[in-house]
Amino acid sequence: MNVNELIHYVNQTYHAAPEYLWADYPQTFVFRHANNRKWFGVGMEVERSKLGLPGEGPTFLLDVKTGPIIGGSYLGQPGITKAWHMNKNHWLGVLLDGSAEDQTIKELLDVSYSLTE
């Protein structure tokens, strides 16, 4: 799943559009619940080296809320890493570079959406 596919999926499934909150970071956005305004996803470009990934340059990451038990069961799967800029005990990072399975991304979005209702 790439960024455009993610945005389309979230819009169709959760009726949430990305909100671009930071002028200094035009690629960074959040997905929020309409009723309580809590974030259930944060999309951003992060330098690969900051995530401990091989290669140079940025990659696109989606942070989702999971909690320590659920999150621990996904760590180590392809395309799943520790969150960036969020509490690493309660959030996971999902690479949107094709390495994470689409079904895994959808499962994690469901978990994040439920935990932030």
PDB file of N, CA and C in Angstrom:
ATOM      1  N   MET A   1       0.850  -1.173   0.000  1.00  0.00           N
ATOM      2  CA  MET A   1       0.000   0.000   0.000  1.00  0.00           C
ATOM      3  C   MET A   1       0.895   1.236   0.000  1.00  0.00           C
ATOM      4  N   ASN A   2       0.594   2.168  -0.882  1.00  0.00           N
ATOM      5  CA  ASN A   2       1.343   3.425  -0.885  1.00  0.00           C
ATOM      6  C   ASN A   2       0.501   4.514  -0.211  1.00  0.00           C
ATOM      7  N   VAL A   3       1.019   5.713  -0.150  1.00  0.00           N
ATOM      8  CA  VAL A   3       0.354   6.801   0.570  1.00  0.00           C
ATOM      9  C   VAL A   3      -1.012   7.116  -0.037  1.00  0.00           C
ATOM     10  N   ASN A   4      -1.094   7.203  -1.350  1.00  0.00           N
ATOM     11  CA  ASN A   4      -2.379   7.518  -1.985  1.00  0.00           C
ATOM     12  C   ASN A   4      -3.412   6.428  -1.743  1.00  0.00           C
ATOM     13  N   GLU A   5      -2.985   5.182  -1.803  1.00  0.00           N
ATOM     14  CA  GLU A   5      -3.899   4.073  -1.516  1.00  0.00           C
ATOM     15  C   GLU A   5      -4.353   4.107  -0.064  1.00  0.00           C
ATOM     16  N   LEU A   6      -3.443   4.434   0.834  1.00  0.00           N
ATOM     17  CA  LEU A   6      -3.779   4.549   2.254  1.00  0.00           C
ATOM     18  C   LEU A   6      -4.841   5.626   2.466  1.00  0.00           C
ATOM     19  N   ILE A   7      -4.617   6.793   1.898  1.00  0.00           N
ATOM     20  CA  ILE A   7      -5.563   7.900   2.075  1.00  0.00           C
ATOM     21  C   ILE A   7      -6.937   7.508   1.544  1.00  0.00           C
ATOM     22  N   HIS A   8      -6.976   6.867   0.394  1.00  0.00           N
ATOM     23  CA  HIS A   8      -8.253   6.433  -0.174  1.00  0.00           C
ATOM     24  C   HIS A   8      -8.927   5.406   0.748  1.00  0.00           C
ATOM     25  N   TYR A   9      -8.169   4.430   1.216  1.00  0.00           N
ATOM     26  CA  TYR A   9      -8.718   3.397   2.095  1.00  0.00           C
ATOM     27  C   TYR A   9      -9.277   4.006   3.384  1.00  0.00           C
ATOM     28  N   VAL A  10      -8.528   4.885   4.025  1.00  0.00           N
ATOM     29  CA  VAL A  10      -8.967   5.494   5.285  1.00  0.00           C
ATOM     30  C   VAL A  10     -10.206   6.348   5.057  1.00  0.00           C
ATOM     31  N   ASN A  11     -10.245   7.070   3.952  1.00  0.00           N
ATOM     32  CA  ASN A  11     -11.410   7.889   3.644  1.00  0.00           C
ATOM     33  C   ASN A  11     -12.650   7.016   3.453  1.00  0.00           C
ATOM     34  N   GLN A  12     -12.508   5.927   2.715  1.00  0.00           N
ATOM     35  CA  GLN A  12     -13.639   5.038   2.454  1.00  0.00           C
ATOM     36  C   GLN A  12     -14.076   4.252   3.698  1.00  0.00           C
ATOM     37  N   THR A  13     -13.117   3.817   4.494  1.00  0.00           N
ATOM     38  CA  THR A  13     -13.411   2.942   5.625  1.00  0.00           C
ATOM     39  C   THR A  13     -13.790   3.694   6.892  1.00  0.00           C
ATOM     40  N   TYR A  14     -13.085   4.772   7.189  1.00  0.00           N
ATOM     41  CA  TYR A  14     -13.285   5.491   8.455  1.00  0.00           C
ATOM     42  C   TYR A  14     -13.846   6.903   8.250  1.00  0.00           C
ATOM     43  N   HIS A  15     -14.051   7.277   7.011  1.00  0.00           N
ATOM     44  CA  HIS A  15     -14.569   8.617   6.670  1.00  0.00           C
ATOM     45  C   HIS A  15     -13.702   9.720   7.276  1.00  0.00           C
ATOM     46  N   ALA A  16     -12.411   9.524   7.169  1.00  0.00           N
ATOM     47  CA  ALA A  16     -11.433  10.490   7.687  1.00  0.00           C
ATOM     48  C   ALA A  16     -10.487  10.892   6.564  1.00  0.00           C
ATOM     49  N   ALA A  17     -10.307  12.175   6.422  1.00  0.00           N
ATOM     50  CA  ALA A  17      -9.365  12.710   5.435  1.00  0.00           C
ATOM     51  C   ALA A  17      -8.095  13.132   6.158  1.00  0.00           C
ATOM     52  N   PRO A  18      -6.967  13.122   5.470  1.00  0.00           N
ATOM     53  CA  PRO A  18      -5.736  13.565   6.132  1.00  0.00           C
ATOM     54  C   PRO A  18      -5.812  15.048   6.458  1.00  0.00           C
ATOM     55  N   GLU A  19      -5.287  15.404   7.611  1.00  0.00           N
ATOM     56  CA  GLU A  19      -5.183  16.806   8.015  1.00  0.00           C
ATOM     57  C   GLU A  19      -3.700  17.170   8.060  1.00  0.00           C
ATOM     58  N   TYR A  20      -3.346  18.182   7.308  1.00  0.00           N
ATOM     59  CA  TYR A  20      -1.955  18.640   7.227  1.00  0.00           C
ATOM     60  C   TYR A  20      -1.807  19.817   8.188  1.00  0.00           C
ATOM     61  N   LEU A  21      -1.199  19.571   9.333  1.00  0.00           N
ATOM     62  CA  LEU A  21      -1.184  20.539  10.421  1.00  0.00           C
ATOM     63  C   LEU A  21       0.069  21.406  10.495  1.00  0.00           C
ATOM     64  N   TRP A  22       1.144  20.990   9.836  1.00  0.00           N
ATOM     65  CA  TRP A  22       2.413  21.668  10.012  1.00  0.00           C
ATOM     66  C   TRP A  22       2.955  22.182   8.685  1.00  0.00           C
ATOM     67  N   ALA A  23       3.001  23.491   8.536  1.00  0.00           N
ATOM     68  CA  ALA A  23       3.487  24.101   7.292  1.00  0.00           C
ATOM     69  C   ALA A  23       4.943  23.732   7.021  1.00  0.00           C
ATOM     70  N   ASP A  24       5.731  23.564   8.065  1.00  0.00           N
ATOM     71  CA  ASP A  24       7.140  23.207   7.894  1.00  0.00           C
ATOM     72  C   ASP A  24       7.328  21.755   7.448  1.00  0.00           C
ATOM     73  N   TYR A  25       6.289  20.947   7.579  1.00  0.00           N
ATOM     74  CA  TYR A  25       6.340  19.531   7.197  1.00  0.00           C
ATOM     75  C   TYR A  25       5.130  19.216   6.320  1.00  0.00           C
ATOM     76  N   PRO A  26       5.161  19.654   5.077  1.00  0.00           N
ATOM     77  CA  PRO A  26       3.979  19.551   4.213  1.00  0.00           C
ATOM     78  C   PRO A  26       3.559  18.124   3.862  1.00  0.00           C
ATOM     79  N   GLN A  27       4.420  17.148   4.061  1.00  0.00           N
ATOM     80  CA  GLN A  27       4.076  15.752   3.773  1.00  0.00           C
ATOM     81  C   GLN A  27       3.454  15.053   4.982  1.00  0.00           C
ATOM     82  N   THR A  28       3.519  15.695   6.146  1.00  0.00           N
ATOM     83  CA  THR A  28       3.051  15.078   7.384  1.00  0.00           C
ATOM     84  C   THR A  28       1.566  15.348   7.586  1.00  0.00           C
ATOM     85  N   PHE A  29       0.837  14.305   7.946  1.00  0.00           N
ATOM     86  CA  PHE A  29      -0.601  14.472   8.178  1.00  0.00           C
ATOM     87  C   PHE A  29      -1.060  13.562   9.306  1.00  0.00           C
ATOM     88  N   VAL A  30      -2.259  13.833   9.799  1.00  0.00           N
ATOM     89  CA  VAL A  30      -2.887  12.984  10.809  1.00  0.00           C
ATOM     90  C   VAL A  30      -4.255  12.559  10.311  1.00  0.00           C
ATOM     91  N   PHE A  31      -4.679  11.402  10.786  1.00  0.00           N
ATOM     92  CA  PHE A  31      -6.063  10.960  10.623  1.00  0.00           C
ATOM     93  C   PHE A  31      -6.706  11.052  11.996  1.00  0.00           C
ATOM     94  N   ARG A  32      -7.896  11.677  12.053  1.00  0.00           N
ATOM     95  CA  ARG A  32      -8.595  11.844  13.323  1.00  0.00           C
ATOM     96  C   ARG A  32     -10.005  11.272  13.253  1.00  0.00           C
ATOM     97  N   HIS A  33     -10.499  10.921  14.431  1.00  0.00           N
ATOM     98  CA  HIS A  33     -11.915  10.592  14.574  1.00  0.00           C
ATOM     99  C   HIS A  33     -12.712  11.884  14.425  1.00  0.00           C
ATOM    100  N   ALA A  34     -13.836  11.795  13.768  1.00  0.00           N
ATOM    101  CA  ALA A  34     -14.686  12.980  13.601  1.00  0.00           C
ATOM    102  C   ALA A  34     -15.308  13.417  14.932  1.00  0.00           C
ATOM    103  N   ASN A  35     -15.653  12.459  15.791  1.00  0.00           N
ATOM    104  CA  ASN A  35     -16.376  12.797  17.019  1.00  0.00           C
ATOM    105  C   ASN A  35     -15.490  13.299  18.153  1.00  0.00           C
ATOM    106  N   ASN A  36     -14.329  12.710  18.371  1.00  0.00           N
ATOM    107  CA  ASN A  36     -13.511  13.112  19.516  1.00  0.00           C
ATOM    108  C   ASN A  36     -12.187  13.770  19.125  1.00  0.00           C
ATOM    109  N   ARG A  37     -11.903  13.815  17.816  1.00  0.00           N
ATOM    110  CA  ARG A  37     -10.708  14.473  17.267  1.00  0.00           C
ATOM    111  C   ARG A  37      -9.398  13.789  17.657  1.00  0.00           C
ATOM    112  N   LYS A  38      -9.447  12.607  18.250  1.00  0.00           N
ATOM    113  CA  LYS A  38      -8.223  11.874  18.593  1.00  0.00           C
ATOM    114  C   LYS A  38      -7.579  11.332  17.328  1.00  0.00           C
ATOM    115  N   TRP A  39      -6.262  11.328  17.338  1.00  0.00           N
ATOM    116  CA  TRP A  39      -5.503  10.788  16.217  1.00  0.00           C
ATOM    117  C   TRP A  39      -5.525   9.267  16.259  1.00  0.00           C
ATOM    118  N   PHE A  40      -5.741   8.653  15.098  1.00  0.00           N
ATOM    119  CA  PHE A  40      -5.566   7.205  15.007  1.00  0.00           C
ATOM    120  C   PHE A  40      -4.501   6.840  13.972  1.00  0.00           C
ATOM    121  N   GLY A  41      -3.924   7.840  13.339  1.00  0.00           N
ATOM    122  CA  GLY A  41      -2.832   7.612  12.406  1.00  0.00           C
ATOM    123  C   GLY A  41      -2.059   8.891  12.161  1.00  0.00           C
ATOM    124  N   VAL A  42      -0.760   8.753  12.009  1.00  0.00           N
ATOM    125  CA  VAL A  42       0.116   9.886  11.690  1.00  0.00           C
ATOM    126  C   VAL A  42       1.025   9.441  10.550  1.00  0.00           C
ATOM    127  N   GLY A  43       0.936  10.127   9.421  1.00  0.00           N
ATOM    128  CA  GLY A  43       1.768   9.805   8.267  1.00  0.00           C
ATOM    129  C   GLY A  43       2.864  10.838   8.098  1.00  0.00           C
ATOM    130  N   MET A  44       4.083  10.369   7.813  1.00  0.00           N
ATOM    131  CA  MET A  44       5.205  11.304   7.710  1.00  0.00           C
ATOM    132  C   MET A  44       6.372  10.683   6.956  1.00  0.00           C
ATOM    133  N   GLU A  45       7.205  11.535   6.387  1.00  0.00           N
ATOM    134  CA  GLU A  45       8.478  11.078   5.827  1.00  0.00           C
ATOM    135  C   GLU A  45       9.517  11.100   6.938  1.00  0.00           C
ATOM    136  N   VAL A  46      10.285  10.026   7.019  1.00  0.00           N
ATOM    137  CA  VAL A  46      11.328   9.906   8.038  1.00  0.00           C
ATOM    138  C   VAL A  46      12.582   9.383   7.350  1.00  0.00           C
ATOM    139  N   GLU A  47      13.703   9.940   7.722  1.00  0.00           N
ATOM    140  CA  GLU A  47      14.973   9.442   7.185  1.00  0.00           C
ATOM    141  C   GLU A  47      15.158   7.984   7.590  1.00  0.00           C
ATOM    142  N   ARG A  48      15.528   7.177   6.629  1.00  0.00           N
ATOM    143  CA  ARG A  48      15.705   5.748   6.866  1.00  0.00           C
ATOM    144  C   ARG A  48      16.678   5.482   8.020  1.00  0.00           C
ATOM    145  N   SER A  49      17.741   6.267   8.086  1.00  0.00           N
ATOM    146  CA  SER A  49      18.750   6.066   9.131  1.00  0.00           C
ATOM    147  C   SER A  49      18.160   6.267  10.528  1.00  0.00           C
ATOM    148  N   LYS A  50      17.166   7.154  10.679  1.00  0.00           N
ATOM    149  CA  LYS A  50      16.542   7.394  11.985  1.00  0.00           C
ATOM    150  C   LYS A  50      15.709   6.206  12.446  1.00  0.00           C
ATOM    151  N   LEU A  51      15.298   5.384  11.506  1.00  0.00           N
ATOM    152  CA  LEU A  51      14.521   4.195  11.833  1.00  0.00           C
ATOM    153  C   LEU A  51      15.386   2.941  11.902  1.00  0.00           C
ATOM    154  N   GLY A  52      16.692   3.113  11.684  1.00  0.00           N
ATOM    155  CA  GLY A  52      17.604   1.977  11.689  1.00  0.00           C
ATOM    156  C   GLY A  52      17.485   1.124  10.444  1.00  0.00           C
ATOM    157  N   LEU A  53      16.995   1.712   9.356  1.00  0.00           N
ATOM    158  CA  LEU A  53      16.820   0.981   8.099  1.00  0.00           C
ATOM    159  C   LEU A  53      18.020   1.179   7.190  1.00  0.00           C
ATOM    160  N   PRO A  54      18.327   0.203   6.379  1.00  0.00           N
ATOM    161  CA  PRO A  54      19.433   0.366   5.425  1.00  0.00           C
ATOM    162  C   PRO A  54      19.047   1.345   4.324  1.00  0.00           C
ATOM    163  N   GLY A  55      20.057   1.875   3.671  1.00  0.00           N
ATOM    164  CA  GLY A  55      19.825   2.799   2.563  1.00  0.00           C
ATOM    165  C   GLY A  55      19.826   4.241   3.023  1.00  0.00           C
ATOM    166  N   GLU A  56      19.718   5.110   2.048  1.00  0.00           N
ATOM    167  CA  GLU A  56      19.739   6.549   2.332  1.00  0.00           C
ATOM    168  C   GLU A  56      18.428   7.174   1.901  1.00  0.00           C
ATOM    169  N   GLY A  57      18.159   8.345   2.453  1.00  0.00           N
ATOM    170  CA  GLY A  57      16.993   9.099   2.062  1.00  0.00           C
ATOM    171  C   GLY A  57      15.780   8.778   2.918  1.00  0.00           C
ATOM    172  N   PRO A  58      14.680   9.457   2.635  1.00  0.00           N
ATOM    173  CA  PRO A  58      13.477   9.274   3.450  1.00  0.00           C
ATOM    174  C   PRO A  58      12.630   8.092   2.988  1.00  0.00           C
ATOM    175  N   THR A  59      11.789   7.647   3.876  1.00  0.00           N
ATOM    176  CA  THR A  59      10.749   6.670   3.567  1.00  0.00           C
ATOM    177  C   THR A  59       9.472   7.183   4.206  1.00  0.00           C
ATOM    178  N   PHE A  60       8.336   6.719   3.748  1.00  0.00           N
ATOM    179  CA  PHE A  60       7.077   7.172   4.324  1.00  0.00           C
ATOM    180  C   PHE A  60       6.616   6.176   5.368  1.00  0.00           C
ATOM    181  N   LEU A  61       6.230   6.707   6.530  1.00  0.00           N
ATOM    182  CA  LEU A  61       5.870   5.899   7.680  1.00  0.00           C
ATOM    183  C   LEU A  61       4.492   6.313   8.174  1.00  0.00           C
ATOM    184  N   LEU A  62       3.689   5.352   8.548  1.00  0.00           N
ATOM    185  CA  LEU A  62       2.410   5.601   9.200  1.00  0.00           C
ATOM    186  C   LEU A  62       2.505   5.071  10.622  1.00  0.00           C
ATOM    187  N   ASP A  63       2.333   5.954  11.601  1.00  0.00           N
ATOM    188  CA  ASP A  63       2.273   5.533  12.998  1.00  0.00           C
ATOM    189  C   ASP A  63       0.830   5.220  13.353  1.00  0.00           C
ATOM    190  N   VAL A  64       0.610   4.079  14.009  1.00  0.00           N
ATOM    191  CA  VAL A  64      -0.718   3.660  14.453  1.00  0.00           C
ATOM    192  C   VAL A  64      -0.655   3.235  15.908  1.00  0.00           C
ATOM    193  N   LYS A  65      -1.725   3.490  16.650  1.00  0.00           N
ATOM    194  CA  LYS A  65      -1.775   3.120  18.061  1.00  0.00           C
ATOM    195  C   LYS A  65      -2.073   1.629  18.181  1.00  0.00           C
ATOM    196  N   THR A  66      -1.324   0.942  19.050  1.00  0.00           N
ATOM    197  CA  THR A  66      -1.534  -0.496  19.209  1.00  0.00           C
ATOM    198  C   THR A  66      -1.545  -0.968  20.655  1.00  0.00           C
ATOM    199  N   GLY A  67      -0.790  -0.357  21.503  1.00  0.00           N
ATOM    200  CA  GLY A  67      -0.604  -0.891  22.847  1.00  0.00           C
ATOM    201  C   GLY A  67       0.560  -1.862  22.847  1.00  0.00           C
ATOM    202  N   PRO A  68       1.160  -2.100  24.021  1.00  0.00           N
ATOM    203  CA  PRO A  68       2.383  -2.905  24.077  1.00  0.00           C
ATOM    204  C   PRO A  68       2.205  -4.373  23.706  1.00  0.00           C
ATOM    205  N   ILE A  69       1.101  -4.991  24.048  1.00  0.00           N
ATOM    206  CA  ILE A  69       0.939  -6.415  23.771  1.00  0.00           C
ATOM    207  C   ILE A  69       0.667  -6.640  22.287  1.00  0.00           C
ATOM    208  N   ILE A  70      -0.281  -5.933  21.747  1.00  0.00           N
ATOM    209  CA  ILE A  70      -0.600  -6.084  20.320  1.00  0.00           C
ATOM    210  C   ILE A  70       0.591  -5.656  19.471  1.00  0.00           C
ATOM    211  N   GLY A  71       1.176  -4.513  19.822  1.00  0.00           N
ATOM    212  CA  GLY A  71       2.311  -4.012  19.056  1.00  0.00           C
ATOM    213  C   GLY A  71       3.463  -4.988  19.024  1.00  0.00           C
ATOM    214  N   GLY A  72       3.735  -5.618  20.150  1.00  0.00           N
ATOM    215  CA  GLY A  72       4.832  -6.576  20.217  1.00  0.00           C
ATOM    216  C   GLY A  72       4.628  -7.766  19.307  1.00  0.00           C
ATOM    217  N   SER A  73       3.382  -8.137  19.068  1.00  0.00           N
ATOM    218  CA  SER A  73       3.127  -9.285  18.204  1.00  0.00           C
ATOM    219  C   SER A  73       3.344  -8.953  16.722  1.00  0.00           C
ATOM    220  N   TYR A  74       3.343  -7.676  16.376  1.00  0.00           N
ATOM    221  CA  TYR A  74       3.570  -7.278  14.983  1.00  0.00           C
ATOM    222  C   TYR A  74       5.023  -6.913  14.700  1.00  0.00           C
ATOM    223  N   LEU A  75       5.763  -6.470  15.723  1.00  0.00           N
ATOM    224  CA  LEU A  75       7.170  -6.111  15.505  1.00  0.00           C
ATOM    225  C   LEU A  75       7.921  -7.303  14.946  1.00  0.00           C
ATOM    226  N   GLY A  76       8.757  -7.052  13.981  1.00  0.00           N
ATOM    227  CA  GLY A  76       9.508  -8.123  13.347  1.00  0.00           C
ATOM    228  C   GLY A  76       8.891  -8.577  12.039  1.00  0.00           C
ATOM    229  N   GLN A  77       7.617  -8.246  11.822  1.00  0.00           N
ATOM    230  CA  GLN A  77       7.000  -8.559  10.532  1.00  0.00           C
ATOM    231  C   GLN A  77       7.543  -7.580   9.486  1.00  0.00           C
ATOM    232  N   PRO A  78       7.558  -7.972   8.232  1.00  0.00           N
ATOM    233  CA  PRO A  78       8.048  -7.069   7.179  1.00  0.00           C
ATOM    234  C   PRO A  78       7.283  -5.745   7.168  1.00  0.00           C
ATOM    235  N   GLY A  79       8.027  -4.661   7.131  1.00  0.00           N
ATOM    236  CA  GLY A  79       7.438  -3.342   7.033  1.00  0.00           C
ATOM    237  C   GLY A  79       6.934  -2.754   8.336  1.00  0.00           C
ATOM    238  N   ILE A  80       7.130  -3.453   9.449  1.00  0.00           N
ATOM    239  CA  ILE A  80       6.673  -2.963  10.754  1.00  0.00           C
ATOM    240  C   ILE A  80       7.891  -2.589  11.579  1.00  0.00           C
ATOM    241  N   THR A  81       7.844  -1.412  12.162  1.00  0.00           N
ATOM    242  CA  THR A  81       8.969  -0.909  12.949  1.00  0.00           C
ATOM    243  C   THR A  81       8.430  -0.164  14.159  1.00  0.00           C
ATOM    244  N   LYS A  82       9.310   0.282  14.989  1.00  0.00           N
ATOM    245  CA  LYS A  82       8.890   1.123  16.106  1.00  0.00           C
ATOM    246  C   LYS A  82       8.412   2.464  15.555  1.00  0.00           C
ATOM    247  N   ALA A  83       7.503   3.054  16.260  1.00  0.00           N
ATOM    248  CA  ALA A  83       6.945   4.342  15.842  1.00  0.00           C
ATOM    249  C   ALA A  83       8.022   5.419  15.861  1.00  0.00           C
ATOM    250  N   TRP A  84       7.755   6.465  15.110  1.00  0.00           N
ATOM    251  CA  TRP A  84       8.632   7.625  15.115  1.00  0.00           C
ATOM    252  C   TRP A  84       7.828   8.790  15.668  1.00  0.00           C
ATOM    253  N   HIS A  85       8.376   9.465  16.653  1.00  0.00           N
ATOM    254  CA  HIS A  85       7.800  10.674  17.234  1.00  0.00           C
ATOM    255  C   HIS A  85       6.587  10.395  18.128  1.00  0.00           C
ATOM    256  N   MET A  86       6.237   9.141  18.346  1.00  0.00           N
ATOM    257  CA  MET A  86       5.125   8.796  19.231  1.00  0.00           C
ATOM    258  C   MET A  86       5.663   7.819  20.280  1.00  0.00           C
ATOM    259  N   ASN A  87       4.885   7.594  21.331  1.00  0.00           N
ATOM    260  CA  ASN A  87       5.268   6.678  22.395  1.00  0.00           C
ATOM    261  C   ASN A  87       5.469   5.280  21.813  1.00  0.00           C
ATOM    262  N   LYS A  88       6.666   4.782  21.903  1.00  0.00           N
ATOM    263  CA  LYS A  88       7.016   3.511  21.272  1.00  0.00           C
ATOM    264  C   LYS A  88       6.419   2.294  21.980  1.00  0.00           C
ATOM    265  N   ASN A  89       5.874   2.481  23.186  1.00  0.00           N
ATOM    266  CA  ASN A  89       5.180   1.381  23.864  1.00  0.00           C
ATOM    267  C   ASN A  89       3.745   1.240  23.385  1.00  0.00           C
ATOM    268  N   HIS A  90       3.190   2.307  22.828  1.00  0.00           N
ATOM    269  CA  HIS A  90       1.776   2.302  22.476  1.00  0.00           C
ATOM    270  C   HIS A  90       1.500   2.547  20.992  1.00  0.00           C
ATOM    271  N   TRP A  91       2.543   2.815  20.221  1.00  0.00           N
ATOM    272  CA  TRP A  91       2.380   3.077  18.792  1.00  0.00           C
ATOM    273  C   TRP A  91       3.403   2.265  18.003  1.00  0.00           C
ATOM    274  N   LEU A  92       3.026   1.848  16.806  1.00  0.00           N
ATOM    275  CA  LEU A  92       3.919   1.160  15.868  1.00  0.00           C
ATOM    276  C   LEU A  92       4.060   1.996  14.609  1.00  0.00           C
ATOM    277  N   GLY A  93       5.152   1.774  13.902  1.00  0.00           N
ATOM    278  CA  GLY A  93       5.345   2.388  12.603  1.00  0.00           C
ATOM    279  C   GLY A  93       5.142   1.345  11.510  1.00  0.00           C
ATOM    280  N   VAL A  94       4.462   1.765  10.450  1.00  0.00           N
ATOM    281  CA  VAL A  94       4.224   0.892   9.297  1.00  0.00           C
ATOM    282  C   VAL A  94       4.822   1.580   8.076  1.00  0.00           C
ATOM    283  N   LEU A  95       5.755   0.915   7.420  1.00  0.00           N
ATOM    284  CA  LEU A  95       6.369   1.477   6.223  1.00  0.00           C
ATOM    285  C   LEU A  95       5.400   1.366   5.054  1.00  0.00           C
ATOM    286  N   LEU A  96       5.251   2.460   4.333  1.00  0.00           N
ATOM    287  CA  LEU A  96       4.370   2.471   3.165  1.00  0.00           C
ATOM    288  C   LEU A  96       5.213   2.407   1.895  1.00  0.00           C
ATOM    289  N   ASP A  97       6.090   1.431   1.868  1.00  0.00           N
ATOM    290  CA  ASP A  97       6.981   1.248   0.722  1.00  0.00           C
ATOM    291  C   ASP A  97       6.742  -0.092   0.030  1.00  0.00           C
ATOM    292  N   GLY A  98       5.650  -0.743   0.381  1.00  0.00           N
ATOM    293  CA  GLY A  98       5.330  -2.039  -0.207  1.00  0.00           C
ATOM    294  C   GLY A  98       5.824  -3.226   0.595  1.00  0.00           C
ATOM    295  N   SER A  99       6.592  -2.990   1.658  1.00  0.00           N
ATOM    296  CA  SER A  99       7.142  -4.111   2.432  1.00  0.00           C
ATOM    297  C   SER A  99       6.133  -4.688   3.429  1.00  0.00           C
ATOM    298  N   ALA A 100       5.178  -3.886   3.882  1.00  0.00           N
ATOM    299  CA  ALA A 100       4.137  -4.383   4.790  1.00  0.00           C
ATOM    300  C   ALA A 100       2.951  -4.866   3.958  1.00  0.00           C
ATOM    301  N   GLU A 101       2.386  -5.977   4.344  1.00  0.00           N
ATOM    302  CA  GLU A 101       1.207  -6.517   3.660  1.00  0.00           C
ATOM    303  C   GLU A 101       0.027  -5.557   3.839  1.00  0.00           C
ATOM    304  N   ASP A 102      -0.755  -5.382   2.784  1.00  0.00           N
ATOM    305  CA  ASP A 102      -1.933  -4.518   2.871  1.00  0.00           C
ATOM    306  C   ASP A 102      -2.871  -4.973   3.988  1.00  0.00           C
ATOM    307  N   GLN A 103      -3.059  -6.284   4.124  1.00  0.00           N
ATOM    308  CA  GLN A 103      -3.954  -6.788   5.169  1.00  0.00           C
ATOM    309  C   GLN A 103      -3.430  -6.430   6.556  1.00  0.00           C
ATOM    310  N   THR A 104      -2.136  -6.459   6.755  1.00  0.00           N
ATOM    311  CA  THR A 104      -1.544  -6.077   8.039  1.00  0.00           C
ATOM    312  C   THR A 104      -1.798  -4.606   8.316  1.00  0.00           C
ATOM    313  N   ILE A 105      -1.638  -3.760   7.321  1.00  0.00           N
ATOM    314  CA  ILE A 105      -1.891  -2.324   7.484  1.00  0.00           C
ATOM    315  C   ILE A 105      -3.350  -2.096   7.869  1.00  0.00           C
ATOM    316  N   LYS A 106      -4.267  -2.782   7.219  1.00  0.00           N
ATOM    317  CA  LYS A 106      -5.693  -2.637   7.516  1.00  0.00           C
ATOM    318  C   LYS A 106      -6.015  -3.118   8.925  1.00  0.00           C
ATOM    319  N   GLU A 107      -5.418  -4.232   9.340  1.00  0.00           N
ATOM    320  CA  GLU A 107      -5.622  -4.738  10.707  1.00  0.00           C
ATOM    321  C   GLU A 107      -5.147  -3.716  11.731  1.00  0.00           C
ATOM    322  N   LEU A 108      -3.956  -3.162  11.501  1.00  0.00           N
ATOM    323  CA  LEU A 108      -3.401  -2.200  12.445  1.00  0.00           C
ATOM    324  C   LEU A 108      -4.210  -0.907  12.473  1.00  0.00           C
ATOM    325  N   LEU A 109      -4.731  -0.491  11.347  1.00  0.00           N
ATOM    326  CA  LEU A 109      -5.608   0.680  11.333  1.00  0.00           C
ATOM    327  C   LEU A 109      -6.882   0.414  12.126  1.00  0.00           C
ATOM    328  N   ASP A 110      -7.449  -0.781  11.996  1.00  0.00           N
ATOM    329  CA  ASP A 110      -8.634  -1.141  12.779  1.00  0.00           C
ATOM    330  C   ASP A 110      -8.345  -1.091  14.276  1.00  0.00           C
ATOM    331  N   VAL A 111      -7.211  -1.638  14.670  1.00  0.00           N
ATOM    332  CA  VAL A 111      -6.824  -1.628  16.085  1.00  0.00           C
ATOM    333  C   VAL A 111      -6.671  -0.184  16.558  1.00  0.00           C
ATOM    334  N   SER A 112      -5.937   0.614  15.791  1.00  0.00           N
ATOM    335  CA  SER A 112      -5.694   1.997  16.178  1.00  0.00           C
ATOM    336  C   SER A 112      -6.999   2.783  16.274  1.00  0.00           C
ATOM    337  N   TYR A 113      -7.867   2.593  15.305  1.00  0.00           N
ATOM    338  CA  TYR A 113      -9.153   3.293  15.304  1.00  0.00           C
ATOM    339  C   TYR A 113      -9.960   2.913  16.553  1.00  0.00           C
ATOM    340  N   SER A 114      -9.995   1.628  16.879  1.00  0.00           N
ATOM    341  CA  SER A 114     -10.745   1.147  18.045  1.00  0.00           C
ATOM    342  C   SER A 114     -10.169   1.681  19.353  1.00  0.00           C
ATOM    343  N   LEU A 115      -8.851   1.689  19.448  1.00  0.00           N
ATOM    344  CA  LEU A 115      -8.209   2.135  20.693  1.00  0.00           C
ATOM    345  C   LEU A 115      -8.344   3.633  20.940  1.00  0.00           C
ATOM    346  N   THR A 116      -8.662   4.391  19.914  1.00  0.00           N
ATOM    347  CA  THR A 116      -8.743   5.844  20.066  1.00  0.00           C
ATOM    348  C   THR A 116     -10.173   6.369  20.009  1.00  0.00           C
ATOM    349  N   GLU A 117     -11.157   5.465  19.990  1.00  0.00           N
ATOM    350  CA  GLU A 117     -12.559   5.895  19.962  1.00  0.00           C
ATOM    351  C   GLU A 117     -12.946   6.565  21.261  1.00  0.00           C
TER     352      GLU A 117
END
